[in-house]
Protein backbone atom coordinates (compact mmCIF):
# COMPACT_ATOMS: atom_id res chain seq x y z
CA UNK A 1 185.06 223.52 59.05
CA UNK A 2 189.16 223.58 58.59
CA UNK A 3 190.39 226.91 60.56
CA UNK A 4 193.45 226.57 58.84
CA UNK A 5 195.42 226.85 62.01
CA UNK A 6 196.71 223.32 61.64
CA UNK A 7 200.42 222.98 62.98
CA UNK A 8 200.12 226.46 64.42
CA UNK A 9 201.39 226.78 67.97
CA UNK A 10 198.92 228.59 70.29
CA UNK A 11 200.06 229.59 73.86
CA UNK A 12 196.65 230.12 76.00
CA UNK A 13 196.71 231.57 79.55
CA UNK A 14 194.37 231.35 82.39
CA UNK A 15 193.97 227.69 80.72
CA UNK A 16 193.38 225.80 83.62
CA UNK A 17 189.52 226.33 83.67
CA UNK A 18 186.71 227.81 81.98
CA UNK A 19 186.90 230.10 78.65
CA UNK A 20 190.92 229.05 78.98
CA UNK A 21 190.30 225.27 79.18
CA UNK A 22 187.80 225.04 76.67
CA UNK A 23 189.54 227.30 74.01
CA UNK A 24 192.35 225.14 74.39
CA UNK A 25 190.68 221.70 73.38
CA UNK A 26 189.08 223.73 70.64
CA UNK A 27 192.21 224.85 69.10
CA UNK A 28 193.97 221.43 69.73
CA UNK A 29 191.02 219.57 68.06
CA UNK A 30 192.01 221.88 65.08
CA UNK A 31 195.38 220.64 64.78
CA UNK A 32 197.65 222.98 66.70
CA UNK A 33 200.17 222.73 69.01
CA UNK A 34 198.60 224.01 72.32
CA UNK A 35 200.41 225.57 75.49
CA UNK A 36 198.58 225.33 78.25
CA UNK A 37 199.58 227.75 81.15
CA UNK A 38 198.36 229.24 84.57
CA UNK A 39 199.58 230.52 87.86
CA UNK A 40 197.46 227.39 89.68
CA UNK A 41 199.98 225.03 89.07
CA UNK A 42 198.04 222.47 90.35
CA UNK A 43 194.79 222.74 89.03
CA UNK A 44 196.54 223.49 85.45
CA UNK A 45 198.21 219.65 86.25
CA UNK A 46 195.01 218.15 86.70
CA UNK A 47 193.46 219.63 83.44
CA UNK A 48 196.30 219.01 81.32
CA UNK A 49 196.10 215.45 82.72
CA UNK A 50 192.49 215.42 81.81
CA UNK A 51 193.61 216.19 78.30
CA UNK A 52 196.11 213.64 77.87
CA UNK A 53 194.68 211.97 74.53
CA UNK A 54 196.07 214.92 72.65
CA UNK A 55 199.54 214.51 71.93
CA UNK A 56 199.72 218.63 70.99
CA UNK A 57 199.35 219.62 74.30
CA UNK A 58 202.13 221.24 76.52
CA UNK A 59 201.75 223.09 79.88
CA UNK A 60 203.86 225.32 82.12
CA UNK A 61 202.42 227.24 85.14
CA UNK A 62 203.10 230.95 84.93
CA UNK A 63 201.89 234.25 86.50
CA UNK A 64 201.31 237.05 83.83
CA UNK A 65 201.62 239.60 86.44
CA UNK A 66 205.64 238.35 86.87
CA UNK A 67 208.23 239.43 84.08
CA UNK A 68 210.32 236.88 85.61
CA UNK A 69 207.33 233.94 85.25
CA UNK A 70 206.64 234.92 81.81
CA UNK A 71 210.11 235.03 81.25
CA UNK A 72 210.59 231.58 82.44
CA UNK A 73 207.75 229.84 80.30
CA UNK A 74 209.53 231.63 77.38
CA UNK A 75 212.44 229.73 77.85
CA UNK A 76 210.04 226.34 78.19
CA UNK A 77 208.36 227.23 74.67
CA UNK A 78 211.71 227.82 73.10
CA UNK A 79 213.07 224.68 74.36
CA UNK A 80 210.25 222.78 73.80
CA UNK A 81 208.47 223.99 70.55
CA UNK A 82 210.28 227.30 69.23
CA UNK A 83 208.37 230.54 68.74
CA UNK A 84 204.39 230.91 69.31
CA UNK A 85 202.06 232.02 66.33
CA UNK A 86 199.13 233.06 68.54
CA UNK A 87 198.64 234.13 71.95
CA UNK A 88 195.29 233.78 73.75
CA UNK A 89 195.20 236.75 76.72
CA UNK A 90 192.66 234.95 78.74
CA UNK A 91 194.33 235.11 82.73
CA UNK A 92 192.11 237.75 84.68
CA UNK A 93 190.18 237.78 87.66
CA UNK A 94 187.09 239.83 88.93
CA UNK A 95 189.50 241.77 92.05
CA UNK A 96 187.77 243.60 94.44
CA UNK A 97 183.94 244.62 94.68
CA UNK A 98 182.45 247.55 96.09
CA UNK A 99 181.35 250.81 95.64
CA UNK A 100 184.01 252.92 94.96
CA UNK A 101 184.03 254.78 98.88
CA UNK A 102 184.96 251.25 99.96
CA UNK A 103 187.55 250.58 97.73
CA UNK A 104 191.56 250.87 98.74
CA UNK A 105 194.31 251.58 96.68
CA UNK A 106 195.54 248.08 97.05
CA UNK A 107 192.26 246.87 95.66
CA UNK A 108 192.60 248.62 92.49
CA UNK A 109 196.12 247.74 92.09
CA UNK A 110 195.64 244.30 92.34
CA UNK A 111 192.81 244.16 89.56
CA UNK A 112 195.08 246.38 87.30
CA UNK A 113 197.72 244.31 87.47
CA UNK A 114 196.16 241.47 86.75
CA UNK A 115 193.52 242.50 84.36
CA UNK A 116 195.61 245.13 82.15
CA UNK A 117 199.31 245.33 83.10
CA UNK A 118 199.55 241.11 83.31
CA UNK A 119 198.46 241.43 79.27
CA UNK A 120 200.47 244.21 78.39
CA UNK A 121 203.66 241.88 80.03
CA UNK A 122 202.62 238.77 78.50
CA UNK A 123 202.63 240.49 74.80
CA UNK A 124 205.77 242.25 75.38
CA UNK A 125 207.34 238.51 76.43
CA UNK A 126 206.03 237.02 73.24
CA UNK A 127 205.66 239.81 70.54
CA UNK A 128 208.87 238.53 69.14
CA UNK A 129 207.63 235.67 68.65
CA UNK A 130 204.45 236.66 66.99
CA UNK A 131 205.96 239.12 64.47
CA UNK A 132 208.99 236.26 63.55
CA UNK A 133 206.71 234.63 60.76
CA UNK A 134 204.63 236.88 59.16
CA UNK A 135 201.59 235.40 60.49
CA UNK A 136 200.39 235.78 63.89
CA UNK A 137 197.27 236.61 66.24
CA UNK A 138 196.52 237.73 69.45
CA UNK A 139 193.19 237.53 71.26
CA UNK A 140 192.18 239.31 74.23
CA UNK A 141 189.30 238.42 76.82
CA UNK A 142 187.76 241.43 78.25
CA UNK A 143 184.15 241.74 79.54
CA UNK A 144 181.07 243.36 78.87
CA UNK A 145 182.07 245.82 81.79
CA UNK A 146 184.53 247.35 79.51
CA UNK A 147 181.71 249.15 77.49
CA UNK A 148 178.65 248.48 80.44
CA UNK A 149 180.53 249.30 83.28
CA UNK A 150 179.29 248.20 87.09
CA UNK A 151 179.40 250.44 90.02
CA UNK A 152 180.77 247.99 92.11
CA UNK A 153 183.29 246.58 89.89
CA UNK A 154 184.71 249.82 89.04
CA UNK A 155 188.47 248.73 88.97
CA UNK A 156 187.66 245.66 86.63
CA UNK A 157 185.21 247.81 84.51
CA UNK A 158 188.07 249.91 84.14
CA UNK A 159 190.83 247.25 83.46
CA UNK A 160 189.10 245.58 80.86
CA UNK A 161 188.10 249.28 79.10
CA UNK A 162 191.93 249.53 79.38
CA UNK A 163 192.00 245.84 77.35
CA UNK A 164 189.92 247.16 74.50
CA UNK A 165 192.11 250.43 74.13
CA UNK A 166 195.17 248.11 74.13
CA UNK A 167 194.22 245.89 71.73
CA UNK A 168 192.83 248.26 69.31
CA UNK A 169 195.98 250.21 69.41
CA UNK A 170 197.97 247.27 69.09
CA UNK A 171 196.37 246.16 66.05
CA UNK A 172 197.46 249.01 64.24
CA UNK A 173 201.06 248.61 64.88
CA UNK A 174 201.98 245.11 63.28
CA UNK A 175 199.05 244.45 60.69
CA UNK A 176 200.92 244.62 57.76
CA UNK A 177 203.54 242.32 59.37
CA UNK A 178 200.64 239.41 59.54
CA UNK A 179 199.90 240.18 63.03
CA UNK A 180 196.30 240.62 63.72
CA UNK A 181 195.01 241.70 66.91
CA UNK A 182 191.12 241.15 68.23
CA UNK A 183 189.27 241.04 71.45
CA UNK A 184 186.46 239.07 72.64
CA UNK A 185 184.00 240.02 75.47
CA UNK A 186 182.01 237.73 77.47
CA UNK A 187 178.94 238.05 79.47
CA UNK A 188 178.37 235.94 82.70
CA UNK A 189 179.60 233.11 81.33
CA UNK A 190 179.42 229.67 83.37
CA UNK A 191 182.78 229.64 84.82
CA UNK A 192 184.39 228.72 88.13
CA UNK A 193 184.72 232.51 88.30
CA UNK A 194 180.85 233.05 88.09
CA UNK A 195 180.55 230.04 90.20
CA UNK A 196 181.98 231.49 93.23
CA UNK A 197 179.95 234.69 92.37
CA UNK A 198 176.50 232.87 92.36
CA UNK A 199 177.56 230.83 95.31
CA UNK A 200 178.37 233.91 97.88
CA UNK A 201 174.99 235.35 96.29
CA UNK A 202 173.23 232.01 97.30
CA UNK A 203 174.62 232.26 100.34
CA UNK A 204 173.80 235.80 101.15
CA UNK A 205 170.20 235.86 100.09
CA UNK A 206 169.64 232.25 101.68
CA UNK A 207 168.49 230.75 98.45
CA UNK A 208 169.64 227.92 95.96
CA UNK A 209 172.25 228.51 93.14
CA UNK A 210 169.53 228.32 90.73
CA UNK A 211 167.80 230.86 92.39
CA UNK A 212 170.57 232.97 92.67
CA UNK A 213 171.50 232.70 89.08
CA UNK A 214 167.85 233.60 88.16
CA UNK A 215 167.37 236.72 90.42
CA UNK A 216 171.00 237.70 89.35
CA UNK A 217 169.35 237.85 85.68
CA UNK A 218 166.66 239.57 86.42
CA UNK A 219 168.57 242.28 89.11
CA UNK A 220 171.79 242.70 87.50
CA UNK A 221 171.57 241.90 83.60
CA UNK A 222 168.14 242.23 82.61
CA UNK A 223 169.37 242.65 78.72
CA UNK A 224 170.53 239.00 78.95
CA UNK A 225 167.67 238.30 76.76
CA UNK A 226 168.42 234.74 76.75
CA UNK A 227 167.92 234.44 80.11
CA UNK A 228 171.07 232.15 81.27
CA UNK A 229 174.53 232.19 81.62
CA UNK A 230 176.67 231.48 78.35
CA UNK A 231 178.54 228.04 77.83
CA UNK A 232 182.23 228.14 77.63
CA UNK A 233 181.94 226.42 74.19
CA UNK A 234 180.05 229.62 73.00
CA UNK A 235 182.71 231.68 73.62
CA UNK A 236 185.74 229.37 72.80
CA UNK A 237 184.11 229.45 69.33
CA UNK A 238 184.71 232.78 68.54
CA UNK A 239 188.20 232.82 69.84
CA UNK A 240 188.76 229.98 67.71
CA UNK A 241 187.56 231.97 64.75
CA UNK A 242 189.74 234.73 65.38
CA UNK A 243 192.60 232.77 65.53
CA UNK A 244 192.00 231.20 62.12
CA UNK A 245 192.65 231.95 59.11
CA UNK A 246 189.08 232.71 58.25
CA UNK A 247 189.35 235.69 60.15
CA UNK A 248 192.51 236.82 58.04
CA UNK A 249 190.55 240.63 57.37
CA UNK A 250 189.31 240.87 60.92
CA UNK A 251 191.88 243.21 63.24
CA UNK A 252 191.05 245.43 65.81
CA UNK A 253 187.44 244.18 66.10
CA UNK A 254 185.87 243.54 69.63
CA UNK A 255 183.76 240.80 69.70
CA UNK A 256 180.61 240.59 72.29
CA UNK A 257 179.51 237.09 73.60
CA UNK A 258 177.21 238.49 75.60
CA UNK A 259 173.17 237.31 74.88
CA UNK A 260 172.27 240.74 74.45
CA UNK A 261 173.96 241.96 77.79
CA UNK A 262 175.19 245.22 76.16
CA UNK A 263 172.32 247.52 76.11
CA UNK A 264 174.02 249.87 73.44
CA UNK A 265 175.41 249.79 70.02
């Protein structure tokens, strides 16, 4: 399927691994120019080296929590290719975990800085680009946690719920200029982030990684009816669609890629 994004310019944050990496690959396959960014400079460099067959790939390290770092990234984009048409705001982190009474202000601030303030700053920095050409897309990566909060991840739950509200409100501001804003909410995708969580569970419960995943599905995510972790390819396909001309009447929506994990409408 031709997604109609050939020669569009996309910026993908959190692109060094997982969903961001696969989304970058899919957009490149569709003919877009992709700027990959991530705060982990070494991992970003290694990822870019793995993808050298794509001539339209650029990369530059940046931390979305830092206005200064985002400004440097923007200068690089301006000098290299001009303006962007697509922003895939994927960068985020689970942050502090534990029951509410165990969490400090610092735990909350770190998680919200990474998962809410960072995306706000990224949009603020690149909004002039996205409004410039009469065609633009912003895709935020939220989470099942936004609508189905878990009591041991309250800072993350709250930040991701904020992303849904931010995205919906933003979608009303610039749609008539051709800038469409949507959200994708994955659940338990096989990424380095969930690998780390499962490795920790494996060690704590003295079981294999596969057993840790299986027990987590049974005990913590019983509504994932497919009884497996999702794959990054399955999330990237939805993101790519929302970036495309095929999604020209989709605005302010939240697409859940969760295998049924969210148990309500």
